[in-house]
Amino acid sequence: MDSRKRVYSILKSVPEGKVTTYKELANAAGVHQRTVAAYMKTNNDPVGIPCFKVIMSDGKIGGYGVMGPKVKEEMLVSHGVEVVNGKVPEKYIHRF
């Protein structure tokens, strides 16, 4: 399995109501955090591969391509993740 497929597969295992960080996902997949960021940015299947569930290590939700952070926040909230002042509380972060 190539690294992109491995990253996407691991991301899809994040439970509903949880998010992960670029660092957590990178460590689980054995790739660099920037590689994860590049894969999220070039995700052609945002419905099947929930890239909105990947946040920064400090809890900030970050951007969401051309749709922006407001849309990302709305998606997180609609999936049961609390966002407070642009950050996701630790209790919602899934660790592999």
N, C-alpha and C. Protein backbone atom coordinates (compact mmCIF):
# COMPACT_ATOMS: atom_id res chain seq x y z
N MET A 1 0.86 -1.17 0.00
CA MET A 1 0.00 0.00 0.00
C MET A 1 0.90 1.24 0.00
N ASP A 2 0.62 2.19 -0.89
CA ASP A 2 1.45 3.39 -0.92
C ASP A 2 1.10 4.31 0.26
N SER A 3 1.94 5.29 0.51
CA SER A 3 1.77 6.12 1.70
C SER A 3 0.48 6.93 1.69
N ARG A 4 0.04 7.40 0.54
CA ARG A 4 -1.21 8.15 0.47
C ARG A 4 -2.39 7.27 0.89
N LYS A 5 -2.45 6.08 0.36
CA LYS A 5 -3.54 5.17 0.71
C LYS A 5 -3.48 4.80 2.19
N ARG A 6 -2.27 4.63 2.72
CA ARG A 6 -2.10 4.29 4.13
C ARG A 6 -2.61 5.45 5.00
N VAL A 7 -2.24 6.68 4.67
CA VAL A 7 -2.69 7.85 5.43
C VAL A 7 -4.22 7.94 5.39
N TYR A 8 -4.80 7.81 4.21
CA TYR A 8 -6.25 7.91 4.08
C TYR A 8 -6.96 6.78 4.83
N SER A 9 -6.41 5.59 4.78
CA SER A 9 -7.00 4.45 5.47
C SER A 9 -7.00 4.68 6.99
N ILE A 10 -5.88 5.14 7.51
CA ILE A 10 -5.79 5.41 8.95
C ILE A 10 -6.74 6.54 9.33
N LEU A 11 -6.81 7.58 8.53
CA LEU A 11 -7.72 8.69 8.81
C LEU A 11 -9.16 8.21 8.88
N LYS A 12 -9.54 7.31 8.00
CA LYS A 12 -10.92 6.82 8.00
C LYS A 12 -11.25 6.02 9.26
N SER A 13 -10.22 5.61 10.02
CA SER A 13 -10.46 4.85 11.25
C SER A 13 -10.72 5.76 12.46
N VAL A 14 -10.59 7.07 12.29
CA VAL A 14 -10.87 7.99 13.39
C VAL A 14 -12.37 7.93 13.69
N PRO A 15 -12.73 7.64 14.93
CA PRO A 15 -14.15 7.47 15.26
C PRO A 15 -14.97 8.75 15.08
N GLU A 16 -16.26 8.57 14.90
CA GLU A 16 -17.19 9.70 14.82
C GLU A 16 -17.07 10.50 16.12
N GLY A 17 -17.12 11.81 16.00
CA GLY A 17 -17.01 12.66 17.17
C GLY A 17 -15.60 12.90 17.65
N LYS A 18 -14.63 12.46 16.87
CA LYS A 18 -13.21 12.63 17.21
C LYS A 18 -12.47 13.24 16.02
N VAL A 19 -11.31 13.80 16.31
CA VAL A 19 -10.40 14.31 15.28
C VAL A 19 -9.02 13.75 15.58
N THR A 20 -8.09 13.99 14.68
CA THR A 20 -6.70 13.65 14.95
C THR A 20 -5.86 14.84 14.50
N THR A 21 -4.57 14.78 14.79
CA THR A 21 -3.68 15.86 14.39
C THR A 21 -2.80 15.39 13.23
N TYR A 22 -2.23 16.37 12.55
CA TYR A 22 -1.30 16.02 11.47
C TYR A 22 -0.17 15.16 12.01
N LYS A 23 0.33 15.50 13.20
CA LYS A 23 1.44 14.77 13.81
C LYS A 23 1.03 13.34 14.17
N GLU A 24 -0.12 13.18 14.81
CA GLU A 24 -0.60 11.83 15.17
C GLU A 24 -0.76 10.96 13.93
N LEU A 25 -1.40 11.52 12.92
CA LEU A 25 -1.64 10.77 11.69
C LEU A 25 -0.33 10.44 10.98
N ALA A 26 0.59 11.40 10.96
CA ALA A 26 1.90 11.16 10.35
C ALA A 26 2.65 10.04 11.07
N ASN A 27 2.66 10.09 12.39
CA ASN A 27 3.35 9.04 13.17
C ASN A 27 2.71 7.67 12.93
N ALA A 28 1.39 7.62 12.90
CA ALA A 28 0.71 6.35 12.69
C ALA A 28 0.98 5.78 11.30
N ALA A 29 1.15 6.66 10.32
CA ALA A 29 1.35 6.21 8.94
C ALA A 29 2.83 6.09 8.56
N GLY A 30 3.71 6.58 9.41
CA GLY A 30 5.14 6.50 9.12
C GLY A 30 5.59 7.48 8.05
N VAL A 31 4.97 8.66 8.03
CA VAL A 31 5.34 9.70 7.06
C VAL A 31 5.55 11.01 7.81
N HIS A 32 6.03 12.02 7.11
CA HIS A 32 6.24 13.35 7.68
C HIS A 32 4.91 14.10 7.76
N GLN A 33 4.80 14.99 8.74
CA GLN A 33 3.58 15.79 8.90
C GLN A 33 3.25 16.60 7.65
N ARG A 34 4.25 17.09 6.97
CA ARG A 34 4.01 17.87 5.75
C ARG A 34 3.44 16.99 4.64
N THR A 35 3.82 15.72 4.66
CA THR A 35 3.24 14.78 3.69
C THR A 35 1.76 14.63 3.95
N VAL A 36 1.39 14.50 5.21
CA VAL A 36 -0.03 14.40 5.58
C VAL A 36 -0.75 15.66 5.11
N ALA A 37 -0.17 16.82 5.37
CA ALA A 37 -0.80 18.09 4.95
C ALA A 37 -0.99 18.13 3.44
N ALA A 38 -0.01 17.67 2.70
CA ALA A 38 -0.12 17.66 1.23
C ALA A 38 -1.23 16.71 0.78
N TYR A 39 -1.34 15.57 1.43
CA TYR A 39 -2.40 14.61 1.08
C TYR A 39 -3.78 15.16 1.40
N MET A 40 -3.89 15.90 2.51
CA MET A 40 -5.19 16.49 2.85
C MET A 40 -5.55 17.58 1.84
N LYS A 41 -4.57 18.36 1.45
CA LYS A 41 -4.79 19.46 0.50
C LYS A 41 -5.21 18.95 -0.87
N THR A 42 -4.74 17.77 -1.24
CA THR A 42 -5.02 17.23 -2.57
C THR A 42 -6.05 16.09 -2.54
N ASN A 43 -6.79 16.01 -1.45
CA ASN A 43 -7.82 14.98 -1.30
C ASN A 43 -8.94 15.24 -2.31
N ASN A 44 -9.15 14.31 -3.21
CA ASN A 44 -10.20 14.46 -4.23
C ASN A 44 -11.53 13.83 -3.82
N ASP A 45 -11.58 13.27 -2.62
CA ASP A 45 -12.80 12.61 -2.14
C ASP A 45 -13.10 13.03 -0.70
N PRO A 46 -13.46 14.32 -0.48
CA PRO A 46 -13.69 14.77 0.89
C PRO A 46 -14.88 14.12 1.58
N VAL A 47 -15.76 13.49 0.84
CA VAL A 47 -16.87 12.77 1.46
C VAL A 47 -16.38 11.43 2.00
N GLY A 48 -15.61 10.72 1.22
CA GLY A 48 -15.11 9.41 1.62
C GLY A 48 -13.88 9.47 2.51
N ILE A 49 -13.09 10.51 2.37
CA ILE A 49 -11.87 10.68 3.16
C ILE A 49 -12.02 11.98 3.94
N PRO A 50 -12.37 11.88 5.22
CA PRO A 50 -12.75 13.05 6.01
C PRO A 50 -11.57 13.93 6.45
N CYS A 51 -10.96 14.63 5.50
CA CYS A 51 -9.80 15.45 5.81
C CYS A 51 -10.11 16.58 6.80
N PHE A 52 -11.38 16.93 6.95
CA PHE A 52 -11.75 17.97 7.91
C PHE A 52 -11.48 17.52 9.35
N LYS A 53 -11.25 16.23 9.56
CA LYS A 53 -10.98 15.69 10.89
C LYS A 53 -9.51 15.82 11.31
N VAL A 54 -8.69 16.44 10.48
CA VAL A 54 -7.27 16.61 10.81
C VAL A 54 -7.03 18.05 11.23
N ILE A 55 -6.50 18.22 12.44
CA ILE A 55 -6.26 19.55 13.00
C ILE A 55 -4.79 19.70 13.39
N MET A 56 -4.45 20.89 13.83
CA MET A 56 -3.08 21.17 14.25
C MET A 56 -2.83 20.59 15.65
N SER A 57 -1.57 20.36 15.97
CA SER A 57 -1.21 19.76 17.26
C SER A 57 -1.63 20.60 18.46
N ASP A 58 -1.75 21.90 18.28
CA ASP A 58 -2.15 22.77 19.39
C ASP A 58 -3.67 22.88 19.52
N GLY A 59 -4.40 22.09 18.72
CA GLY A 59 -5.86 22.09 18.79
C GLY A 59 -6.55 23.03 17.84
N LYS A 60 -5.79 23.94 17.20
CA LYS A 60 -6.39 24.86 16.24
C LYS A 60 -6.90 24.06 15.05
N ILE A 61 -8.04 24.48 14.51
CA ILE A 61 -8.63 23.70 13.43
C ILE A 61 -7.91 23.93 12.11
N GLY A 62 -7.22 25.03 11.95
CA GLY A 62 -6.50 25.30 10.71
C GLY A 62 -7.45 25.67 9.59
N GLY A 63 -6.95 25.60 8.38
CA GLY A 63 -7.74 25.97 7.21
C GLY A 63 -8.48 24.78 6.64
N TYR A 64 -9.12 25.04 5.54
CA TYR A 64 -9.86 23.97 4.85
C TYR A 64 -9.93 24.32 3.37
N GLY A 65 -8.75 24.48 2.78
CA GLY A 65 -8.66 24.80 1.36
C GLY A 65 -9.45 26.05 1.01
N VAL A 66 -10.09 26.01 -0.13
CA VAL A 66 -10.84 27.18 -0.61
C VAL A 66 -12.11 27.42 0.20
N MET A 67 -12.58 26.41 0.92
CA MET A 67 -13.81 26.57 1.70
C MET A 67 -13.57 27.32 3.01
N GLY A 68 -12.37 27.29 3.54
CA GLY A 68 -12.01 28.06 4.71
C GLY A 68 -12.34 27.43 6.05
N PRO A 69 -11.79 28.02 7.12
CA PRO A 69 -11.95 27.46 8.45
C PRO A 69 -13.39 27.48 8.97
N LYS A 70 -14.19 28.43 8.54
CA LYS A 70 -15.59 28.48 9.03
C LYS A 70 -16.35 27.22 8.60
N VAL A 71 -16.15 26.80 7.35
CA VAL A 71 -16.80 25.58 6.86
C VAL A 71 -16.26 24.37 7.60
N LYS A 72 -14.94 24.35 7.83
CA LYS A 72 -14.34 23.23 8.57
C LYS A 72 -14.94 23.16 9.97
N GLU A 73 -15.07 24.30 10.64
CA GLU A 73 -15.66 24.32 11.97
C GLU A 73 -17.09 23.81 11.94
N GLU A 74 -17.87 24.24 10.97
CA GLU A 74 -19.25 23.77 10.85
C GLU A 74 -19.31 22.26 10.65
N MET A 75 -18.39 21.72 9.84
CA MET A 75 -18.36 20.28 9.61
C MET A 75 -17.99 19.53 10.88
N LEU A 76 -17.01 20.03 11.61
CA LEU A 76 -16.62 19.38 12.86
C LEU A 76 -17.78 19.35 13.84
N VAL A 77 -18.43 20.50 14.00
CA VAL A 77 -19.57 20.59 14.93
C VAL A 77 -20.68 19.64 14.50
N SER A 78 -20.93 19.57 13.21
CA SER A 78 -22.00 18.68 12.72
C SER A 78 -21.67 17.20 12.94
N HIS A 79 -20.39 16.91 13.19
CA HIS A 79 -19.96 15.53 13.46
C HIS A 79 -19.69 15.31 14.95
N GLY A 80 -20.20 16.22 15.78
CA GLY A 80 -20.12 16.02 17.22
C GLY A 80 -18.85 16.48 17.89
N VAL A 81 -18.06 17.31 17.21
CA VAL A 81 -16.81 17.81 17.79
C VAL A 81 -17.01 19.26 18.21
N GLU A 82 -16.70 19.54 19.45
CA GLU A 82 -16.83 20.90 19.97
C GLU A 82 -15.64 21.75 19.50
N VAL A 83 -15.91 22.99 19.11
CA VAL A 83 -14.86 23.93 18.74
C VAL A 83 -15.06 25.18 19.60
N VAL A 84 -14.02 25.54 20.35
CA VAL A 84 -14.08 26.69 21.25
C VAL A 84 -12.98 27.67 20.85
N ASN A 85 -13.40 28.85 20.41
CA ASN A 85 -12.43 29.88 19.98
C ASN A 85 -11.45 29.35 18.94
N GLY A 86 -11.96 28.60 17.98
CA GLY A 86 -11.13 28.09 16.89
C GLY A 86 -10.27 26.89 17.23
N LYS A 87 -10.49 26.32 18.42
CA LYS A 87 -9.70 25.16 18.84
C LYS A 87 -10.60 24.01 19.28
N VAL A 88 -10.09 22.81 19.10
CA VAL A 88 -10.80 21.60 19.53
C VAL A 88 -10.22 21.17 20.88
N PRO A 89 -11.07 21.01 21.90
CA PRO A 89 -10.57 20.55 23.21
C PRO A 89 -9.92 19.17 23.11
N GLU A 90 -8.95 18.94 23.96
CA GLU A 90 -8.16 17.70 23.97
C GLU A 90 -9.02 16.44 23.99
N LYS A 91 -10.15 16.47 24.69
CA LYS A 91 -10.97 15.26 24.82
C LYS A 91 -11.51 14.73 23.49
N TYR A 92 -11.45 15.54 22.43
CA TYR A 92 -11.94 15.10 21.12
C TYR A 92 -10.82 14.57 20.22
N ILE A 93 -9.58 14.64 20.69
CA ILE A 93 -8.46 14.22 19.85
C ILE A 93 -8.21 12.73 19.99
N HIS A 94 -8.28 12.04 18.86
CA HIS A 94 -8.05 10.59 18.82
C HIS A 94 -6.54 10.34 18.71
N ARG A 95 -6.04 9.49 19.58
CA ARG A 95 -4.63 9.09 19.56
C ARG A 95 -4.55 7.65 19.07
N PHE A 96 -3.64 7.40 18.19
CA PHE A 96 -3.47 6.05 17.63
C PHE A 96 -2.56 5.21 18.50
